[in-house]
Amino acid sequence: MANFSMPAKNVKIIAAGLVVMVLGFVLMLGGGSSDPDVFNPAMFNFRRLVLAPLVIILGIVAIIYGIMKTPRDGGEKEK
């Protein structure tokens, strides 16, 4: 990773953000009905309407932070 444009810490933050986003999409799963004539009110519960989108937004913020974060030492040091 010596020639990679981002430090390893940034890549880990981006990967964690992607995992959080996938978790948000998993929280949105379900709530449908196999019969179109039957209404399932579970489709409109707190987890799917509020919690899952907030988790996805948190993952997006983590990814943006991982991309924008710069190292504290100001770059590579010359030998």
PDB file of N, CA and C in Angstrom:
ATOM      1  N   MET A   1       0.807  -1.192   0.000  1.00  0.00           N
ATOM      2  CA  MET A   1       0.000   0.000   0.000  1.00  0.00           C
ATOM      3  C   MET A   1       0.852   1.259   0.000  1.00  0.00           C
ATOM      4  N   ALA A   2       2.102   1.125  -0.267  1.00  0.00           N
ATOM      5  CA  ALA A   2       2.985   2.288  -0.238  1.00  0.00           C
ATOM      6  C   ALA A   2       2.670   3.268  -1.359  1.00  0.00           C
ATOM      7  N   ASN A   3       2.195   2.789  -2.503  1.00  0.00           N
ATOM      8  CA  ASN A   3       1.900   3.663  -3.630  1.00  0.00           C
ATOM      9  C   ASN A   3       0.425   4.015  -3.749  1.00  0.00           C
ATOM     10  N   PHE A   4      -0.369   3.637  -2.758  1.00  0.00           N
ATOM     11  CA  PHE A   4      -1.797   3.912  -2.787  1.00  0.00           C
ATOM     12  C   PHE A   4      -2.047   5.367  -2.400  1.00  0.00           C
ATOM     13  N   SER A   5      -3.057   5.988  -2.985  1.00  0.00           N
ATOM     14  CA  SER A   5      -3.279   7.420  -2.776  1.00  0.00           C
ATOM     15  C   SER A   5      -3.869   7.751  -1.407  1.00  0.00           C
ATOM     16  N   MET A   6      -4.404   6.762  -0.699  1.00  0.00           N
ATOM     17  CA  MET A   6      -4.985   7.001   0.622  1.00  0.00           C
ATOM     18  C   MET A   6      -4.263   6.160   1.661  1.00  0.00           C
ATOM     19  N   PRO A   7      -4.140   6.704   2.876  1.00  0.00           N
ATOM     20  CA  PRO A   7      -3.583   5.890   3.955  1.00  0.00           C
ATOM     21  C   PRO A   7      -4.518   4.732   4.311  1.00  0.00           C
ATOM     22  N   ALA A   8      -3.976   3.738   4.949  1.00  0.00           N
ATOM     23  CA  ALA A   8      -4.759   2.556   5.310  1.00  0.00           C
ATOM     24  C   ALA A   8      -5.903   2.906   6.257  1.00  0.00           C
ATOM     25  N   LYS A   9      -5.690   3.885   7.113  1.00  0.00           N
ATOM     26  CA  LYS A   9      -6.742   4.287   8.054  1.00  0.00           C
ATOM     27  C   LYS A   9      -7.960   4.824   7.309  1.00  0.00           C
ATOM     28  N   ASN A  10      -7.725   5.584   6.253  1.00  0.00           N
ATOM     29  CA  ASN A  10      -8.837   6.120   5.466  1.00  0.00           C
ATOM     30  C   ASN A  10      -9.604   4.999   4.766  1.00  0.00           C
ATOM     31  N   VAL A  11      -8.892   4.018   4.260  1.00  0.00           N
ATOM     32  CA  VAL A  11      -9.540   2.900   3.586  1.00  0.00           C
ATOM     33  C   VAL A  11     -10.391   2.118   4.576  1.00  0.00           C
ATOM     34  N   LYS A  12      -9.926   1.964   5.800  1.00  0.00           N
ATOM     35  CA  LYS A  12     -10.705   1.270   6.835  1.00  0.00           C
ATOM     36  C   LYS A  12     -11.962   2.055   7.184  1.00  0.00           C
ATOM     37  N   ILE A  13     -11.877   3.370   7.245  1.00  0.00           N
ATOM     38  CA  ILE A  13     -13.047   4.203   7.523  1.00  0.00           C
ATOM     39  C   ILE A  13     -14.066   4.073   6.390  1.00  0.00           C
ATOM     40  N   ILE A  14     -13.589   4.070   5.158  1.00  0.00           N
ATOM     41  CA  ILE A  14     -14.487   3.924   4.006  1.00  0.00           C
ATOM     42  C   ILE A  14     -15.155   2.546   4.021  1.00  0.00           C
ATOM     43  N   ALA A  15     -14.394   1.517   4.336  1.00  0.00           N
ATOM     44  CA  ALA A  15     -14.959   0.166   4.397  1.00  0.00           C
ATOM     45  C   ALA A  15     -16.006   0.065   5.511  1.00  0.00           C
ATOM     46  N   ALA A  16     -15.727   0.683   6.657  1.00  0.00           N
ATOM     47  CA  ALA A  16     -16.701   0.681   7.745  1.00  0.00           C
ATOM     48  C   ALA A  16     -17.970   1.422   7.326  1.00  0.00           C
ATOM     49  N   GLY A  17     -17.830   2.507   6.604  1.00  0.00           N
ATOM     50  CA  GLY A  17     -18.994   3.239   6.104  1.00  0.00           C
ATOM     51  C   GLY A  17     -19.827   2.400   5.155  1.00  0.00           C
ATOM     52  N   LEU A  18     -19.172   1.628   4.303  1.00  0.00           N
ATOM     53  CA  LEU A  18     -19.901   0.739   3.395  1.00  0.00           C
ATOM     54  C   LEU A  18     -20.660  -0.343   4.162  1.00  0.00           C
ATOM     55  N   VAL A  19     -20.036  -0.880   5.212  1.00  0.00           N
ATOM     56  CA  VAL A  19     -20.700  -1.896   6.032  1.00  0.00           C
ATOM     57  C   VAL A  19     -21.921  -1.292   6.722  1.00  0.00           C
ATOM     58  N   VAL A  20     -21.804  -0.071   7.235  1.00  0.00           N
ATOM     59  CA  VAL A  20     -22.923   0.598   7.887  1.00  0.00           C
ATOM     60  C   VAL A  20     -24.052   0.842   6.876  1.00  0.00           C
ATOM     61  N   MET A  21     -23.691   1.222   5.655  1.00  0.00           N
ATOM     62  CA  MET A  21     -24.719   1.427   4.629  1.00  0.00           C
ATOM     63  C   MET A  21     -25.451   0.123   4.301  1.00  0.00           C
ATOM     64  N   VAL A  22     -24.723  -0.964   4.184  1.00  0.00           N
ATOM     65  CA  VAL A  22     -25.351  -2.260   3.912  1.00  0.00           C
ATOM     66  C   VAL A  22     -26.277  -2.641   5.065  1.00  0.00           C
ATOM     67  N   LEU A  23     -25.864  -2.368   6.295  1.00  0.00           N
ATOM     68  CA  LEU A  23     -26.710  -2.633   7.452  1.00  0.00           C
ATOM     69  C   LEU A  23     -28.011  -1.829   7.360  1.00  0.00           C
ATOM     70  N   GLY A  24     -27.924  -0.591   6.922  1.00  0.00           N
ATOM     71  CA  GLY A  24     -29.127   0.227   6.754  1.00  0.00           C
ATOM     72  C   GLY A  24     -30.071  -0.357   5.722  1.00  0.00           C
ATOM     73  N   PHE A  25     -29.518  -0.855   4.608  1.00  0.00           N
ATOM     74  CA  PHE A  25     -30.376  -1.471   3.599  1.00  0.00           C
ATOM     75  C   PHE A  25     -30.986  -2.777   4.103  1.00  0.00           C
ATOM     76  N   VAL A  26     -30.253  -3.520   4.927  1.00  0.00           N
ATOM     77  CA  VAL A  26     -30.799  -4.748   5.508  1.00  0.00           C
ATOM     78  C   VAL A  26     -31.944  -4.406   6.459  1.00  0.00           C
ATOM     79  N   LEU A  27     -31.815  -3.296   7.192  1.00  0.00           N
ATOM     80  CA  LEU A  27     -32.896  -2.881   8.086  1.00  0.00           C
ATOM     81  C   LEU A  27     -34.170  -2.521   7.321  1.00  0.00           C
ATOM     82  N   MET A  28     -34.050  -2.132   6.063  1.00  0.00           N
ATOM     83  CA  MET A  28     -35.229  -1.788   5.259  1.00  0.00           C
ATOM     84  C   MET A  28     -35.947  -3.009   4.699  1.00  0.00           C
ATOM     85  N   LEU A  29     -35.338  -4.174   4.744  1.00  0.00           N
ATOM     86  CA  LEU A  29     -35.930  -5.359   4.141  1.00  0.00           C
ATOM     87  C   LEU A  29     -37.226  -5.771   4.825  1.00  0.00           C
ATOM     88  N   GLY A  30     -38.077  -6.436   4.065  1.00  0.00           N
ATOM     89  CA  GLY A  30     -39.293  -7.018   4.610  1.00  0.00           C
ATOM     90  C   GLY A  30     -40.457  -6.050   4.634  1.00  0.00           C
ATOM     91  N   GLY A  31     -41.538  -6.510   5.253  1.00  0.00           N
ATOM     92  CA  GLY A  31     -42.718  -5.677   5.398  1.00  0.00           C
ATOM     93  C   GLY A  31     -43.702  -5.790   4.267  1.00  0.00           C
ATOM     94  N   GLY A  32     -43.324  -6.469   3.215  1.00  0.00           N
ATOM     95  CA  GLY A  32     -44.228  -6.630   2.079  1.00  0.00           C
ATOM     96  C   GLY A  32     -45.203  -7.769   2.318  1.00  0.00           C
ATOM     97  N   SER A  33     -46.120  -7.913   1.416  1.00  0.00           N
ATOM     98  CA  SER A  33     -47.093  -8.991   1.505  1.00  0.00           C
ATOM     99  C   SER A  33     -47.074  -9.773   0.203  1.00  0.00           C
ATOM    100  N   SER A  34     -47.198 -11.074   0.297  1.00  0.00           N
ATOM    101  CA  SER A  34     -47.223 -11.897  -0.918  1.00  0.00           C
ATOM    102  C   SER A  34     -48.579 -11.811  -1.610  1.00  0.00           C
ATOM    103  N   ASP A  35     -49.610 -11.445  -0.869  1.00  0.00           N
ATOM    104  CA  ASP A  35     -50.946 -11.293  -1.438  1.00  0.00           C
ATOM    105  C   ASP A  35     -51.223  -9.803  -1.651  1.00  0.00           C
ATOM    106  N   PRO A  36     -51.463  -9.356  -2.884  1.00  0.00           N
ATOM    107  CA  PRO A  36     -51.669  -7.927  -3.118  1.00  0.00           C
ATOM    108  C   PRO A  36     -52.960  -7.377  -2.517  1.00  0.00           C
ATOM    109  N   ASP A  37     -53.882  -8.259  -2.121  1.00  0.00           N
ATOM    110  CA  ASP A  37     -55.147  -7.800  -1.534  1.00  0.00           C
ATOM    111  C   ASP A  37     -55.056  -7.608  -0.025  1.00  0.00           C
ATOM    112  N   VAL A  38     -53.938  -7.999   0.578  1.00  0.00           N
ATOM    113  CA  VAL A  38     -53.778  -7.893   2.033  1.00  0.00           C
ATOM    114  C   VAL A  38     -52.792  -6.777   2.340  1.00  0.00           C
ATOM    115  N   PHE A  39     -53.223  -5.849   3.199  1.00  0.00           N
ATOM    116  CA  PHE A  39     -52.360  -4.739   3.603  1.00  0.00           C
ATOM    117  C   PHE A  39     -51.557  -5.149   4.833  1.00  0.00           C
ATOM    118  N   ASN A  40     -50.250  -4.885   4.807  1.00  0.00           N
ATOM    119  CA  ASN A  40     -49.381  -5.201   5.935  1.00  0.00           C
ATOM    120  C   ASN A  40     -48.867  -3.888   6.524  1.00  0.00           C
ATOM    121  N   PRO A  41     -49.358  -3.483   7.708  1.00  0.00           N
ATOM    122  CA  PRO A  41     -48.916  -2.209   8.295  1.00  0.00           C
ATOM    123  C   PRO A  41     -47.468  -2.226   8.769  1.00  0.00           C
ATOM    124  N   ALA A  42     -46.831  -3.386   8.810  1.00  0.00           N
ATOM    125  CA  ALA A  42     -45.424  -3.466   9.226  1.00  0.00           C
ATOM    126  C   ALA A  42     -44.510  -2.779   8.231  1.00  0.00           C
ATOM    127  N   MET A  43     -45.046  -2.494   7.051  1.00  0.00           N
ATOM    128  CA  MET A  43     -44.255  -1.811   6.033  1.00  0.00           C
ATOM    129  C   MET A  43     -43.930  -0.376   6.457  1.00  0.00           C
ATOM    130  N   PHE A  44     -44.747   0.198   7.333  1.00  0.00           N
ATOM    131  CA  PHE A  44     -44.583   1.590   7.734  1.00  0.00           C
ATOM    132  C   PHE A  44     -44.158   1.729   9.192  1.00  0.00           C
ATOM    133  N   ASN A  45     -43.321   0.843   9.687  1.00  0.00           N
ATOM    134  CA  ASN A  45     -42.908   0.945  11.084  1.00  0.00           C
ATOM    135  C   ASN A  45     -41.665   1.833  11.240  1.00  0.00           C
ATOM    136  N   PHE A  46     -41.278   2.096  12.481  1.00  0.00           N
ATOM    137  CA  PHE A  46     -40.167   2.991  12.811  1.00  0.00           C
ATOM    138  C   PHE A  46     -38.854   2.534  12.184  1.00  0.00           C
ATOM    139  N   ARG A  47     -38.611   1.238  12.204  1.00  0.00           N
ATOM    140  CA  ARG A  47     -37.339   0.710  11.695  1.00  0.00           C
ATOM    141  C   ARG A  47     -37.144   1.010  10.217  1.00  0.00           C
ATOM    142  N   ARG A  48     -38.179   0.858   9.433  1.00  0.00           N
ATOM    143  CA  ARG A  48     -38.057   1.052   7.986  1.00  0.00           C
ATOM    144  C   ARG A  48     -38.140   2.513   7.563  1.00  0.00           C
ATOM    145  N   LEU A  49     -38.903   3.330   8.281  1.00  0.00           N
ATOM    146  CA  LEU A  49     -39.103   4.723   7.870  1.00  0.00           C
ATOM    147  C   LEU A  49     -38.118   5.705   8.489  1.00  0.00           C
ATOM    148  N   VAL A  50     -37.588   5.389   9.671  1.00  0.00           N
ATOM    149  CA  VAL A  50     -36.724   6.344  10.374  1.00  0.00           C
ATOM    150  C   VAL A  50     -35.323   5.784  10.589  1.00  0.00           C
ATOM    151  N   LEU A  51     -35.230   4.639  11.211  1.00  0.00           N
ATOM    152  CA  LEU A  51     -33.932   4.094  11.614  1.00  0.00           C
ATOM    153  C   LEU A  51     -33.053   3.725  10.416  1.00  0.00           C
ATOM    154  N   ALA A  52     -33.590   3.008   9.451  1.00  0.00           N
ATOM    155  CA  ALA A  52     -32.787   2.566   8.305  1.00  0.00           C
ATOM    156  C   ALA A  52     -32.235   3.742   7.494  1.00  0.00           C
ATOM    157  N   PRO A  53     -33.037   4.761   7.160  1.00  0.00           N
ATOM    158  CA  PRO A  53     -32.452   5.893   6.431  1.00  0.00           C
ATOM    159  C   PRO A  53     -31.385   6.642   7.233  1.00  0.00           C
ATOM    160  N   LEU A  54     -31.572   6.757   8.544  1.00  0.00           N
ATOM    161  CA  LEU A  54     -30.550   7.415   9.367  1.00  0.00           C
ATOM    162  C   LEU A  54     -29.246   6.624   9.377  1.00  0.00           C
ATOM    163  N   VAL A  55     -29.342   5.301   9.421  1.00  0.00           N
ATOM    164  CA  VAL A  55     -28.142   4.459   9.392  1.00  0.00           C
ATOM    165  C   VAL A  55     -27.433   4.596   8.043  1.00  0.00           C
ATOM    166  N   ILE A  56     -28.199   4.660   6.964  1.00  0.00           N
ATOM    167  CA  ILE A  56     -27.608   4.827   5.630  1.00  0.00           C
ATOM    168  C   ILE A  56     -26.910   6.183   5.527  1.00  0.00           C
ATOM    169  N   ILE A  57     -27.547   7.229   6.036  1.00  0.00           N
ATOM    170  CA  ILE A  57     -26.931   8.560   6.008  1.00  0.00           C
ATOM    171  C   ILE A  57     -25.663   8.571   6.853  1.00  0.00           C
ATOM    172  N   LEU A  58     -25.668   7.892   7.987  1.00  0.00           N
ATOM    173  CA  LEU A  58     -24.468   7.788   8.823  1.00  0.00           C
ATOM    174  C   LEU A  58     -23.342   7.093   8.060  1.00  0.00           C
ATOM    175  N   GLY A  59     -23.664   6.064   7.286  1.00  0.00           N
ATOM    176  CA  GLY A  59     -22.657   5.393   6.470  1.00  0.00           C
ATOM    177  C   GLY A  59     -22.104   6.303   5.392  1.00  0.00           C
ATOM    178  N   ILE A  60     -22.965   7.105   4.773  1.00  0.00           N
ATOM    179  CA  ILE A  60     -22.511   8.042   3.745  1.00  0.00           C
ATOM    180  C   ILE A  60     -21.590   9.095   4.351  1.00  0.00           C
ATOM    181  N   VAL A  61     -21.945   9.593   5.539  1.00  0.00           N
ATOM    182  CA  VAL A  61     -21.094  10.575   6.219  1.00  0.00           C
ATOM    183  C   VAL A  61     -19.732   9.966   6.546  1.00  0.00           C
ATOM    184  N   ALA A  62     -19.714   8.711   6.990  1.00  0.00           N
ATOM    185  CA  ALA A  62     -18.438   8.044   7.296  1.00  0.00           C
ATOM    186  C   ALA A  62     -17.585   7.892   6.037  1.00  0.00           C
ATOM    187  N   ILE A  63     -18.203   7.575   4.920  1.00  0.00           N
ATOM    188  CA  ILE A  63     -17.458   7.435   3.669  1.00  0.00           C
ATOM    189  C   ILE A  63     -16.884   8.784   3.239  1.00  0.00           C
ATOM    190  N   ILE A  64     -17.685   9.825   3.324  1.00  0.00           N
ATOM    191  CA  ILE A  64     -17.194  11.158   2.957  1.00  0.00           C
ATOM    192  C   ILE A  64     -16.047  11.573   3.869  1.00  0.00           C
ATOM    193  N   TYR A  65     -16.178  11.298   5.172  1.00  0.00           N
ATOM    194  CA  TYR A  65     -15.098  11.611   6.114  1.00  0.00           C
ATOM    195  C   TYR A  65     -13.831  10.841   5.766  1.00  0.00           C
ATOM    196  N   GLY A  66     -13.976   9.565   5.416  1.00  0.00           N
ATOM    197  CA  GLY A  66     -12.818   8.750   5.049  1.00  0.00           C
ATOM    198  C   GLY A  66     -12.131   9.245   3.792  1.00  0.00           C
ATOM    199  N   ILE A  67     -12.900   9.794   2.870  1.00  0.00           N
ATOM    200  CA  ILE A  67     -12.317  10.319   1.641  1.00  0.00           C
ATOM    201  C   ILE A  67     -11.618  11.654   1.892  1.00  0.00           C
ATOM    202  N   MET A  68     -12.232  12.504   2.697  1.00  0.00           N
ATOM    203  CA  MET A  68     -11.739  13.868   2.882  1.00  0.00           C
ATOM    204  C   MET A  68     -10.645  14.001   3.946  1.00  0.00           C
ATOM    205  N   LYS A  69     -10.524  13.035   4.852  1.00  0.00           N
ATOM    206  CA  LYS A  69      -9.560  13.133   5.949  1.00  0.00           C
ATOM    207  C   LYS A  69      -8.128  13.130   5.412  1.00  0.00           C
ATOM    208  N   THR A  70      -7.341  14.068   5.905  1.00  0.00           N
ATOM    209  CA  THR A  70      -5.932  14.133   5.520  1.00  0.00           C
ATOM    210  C   THR A  70      -5.070  13.732   6.705  1.00  0.00           C
ATOM    211  N   PRO A  71      -3.900  13.177   6.444  1.00  0.00           N
ATOM    212  CA  PRO A  71      -3.020  12.792   7.550  1.00  0.00           C
ATOM    213  C   PRO A  71      -2.496  14.025   8.295  1.00  0.00           C
ATOM    214  N   ARG A  72      -2.225  13.866   9.587  1.00  0.00           N
ATOM    215  CA  ARG A  72      -1.759  14.983  10.411  1.00  0.00           C
ATOM    216  C   ARG A  72      -0.335  15.401  10.117  1.00  0.00           C
ATOM    217  N   ASP A  73       0.511  14.495   9.632  1.00  0.00           N
ATOM    218  CA  ASP A  73       1.916  14.830   9.424  1.00  0.00           C
ATOM    219  C   ASP A  73       2.150  15.650   8.166  1.00  0.00           C
ATOM    220  N   GLY A  74       1.129  15.921   7.370  1.00  0.00           N
ATOM    221  CA  GLY A  74       1.264  16.770   6.215  1.00  0.00           C
ATOM    222  C   GLY A  74       1.769  16.070   4.973  1.00  0.00           C
ATOM    223  N   GLY A  75       1.775  14.778   4.965  1.00  0.00           N
ATOM    224  CA  GLY A  75       2.207  14.054   3.777  1.00  0.00           C
ATOM    225  C   GLY A  75       3.405  13.162   4.058  1.00  0.00           C
ATOM    226  N   GLU A  76       4.007  12.701   2.994  1.00  0.00           N
ATOM    227  CA  GLU A  76       5.158  11.821   3.129  1.00  0.00           C
ATOM    228  C   GLU A  76       6.424  12.618   3.486  1.00  0.00           C
ATOM    229  N   LYS A  77       7.233  12.012   4.301  1.00  0.00           N
ATOM    230  CA  LYS A  77       8.502  12.637   4.687  1.00  0.00           C
ATOM    231  C   LYS A  77       9.594  12.143   3.739  1.00  0.00           C
ATOM    232  N   GLU A  78      10.500  13.031   3.393  1.00  0.00           N
ATOM    233  CA  GLU A  78      11.606  12.635   2.521  1.00  0.00           C
ATOM    234  C   GLU A  78      12.657  11.907   3.334  1.00  0.00           C
ATOM    235  N   LYS A  79      13.348  10.986   2.680  1.00  0.00           N
ATOM    236  CA  LYS A  79      14.388  10.211   3.361  1.00  0.00           C
ATOM    237  C   LYS A  79      15.726  10.837   3.165  1.00  0.00           C
TER     238      LYS A  79
END
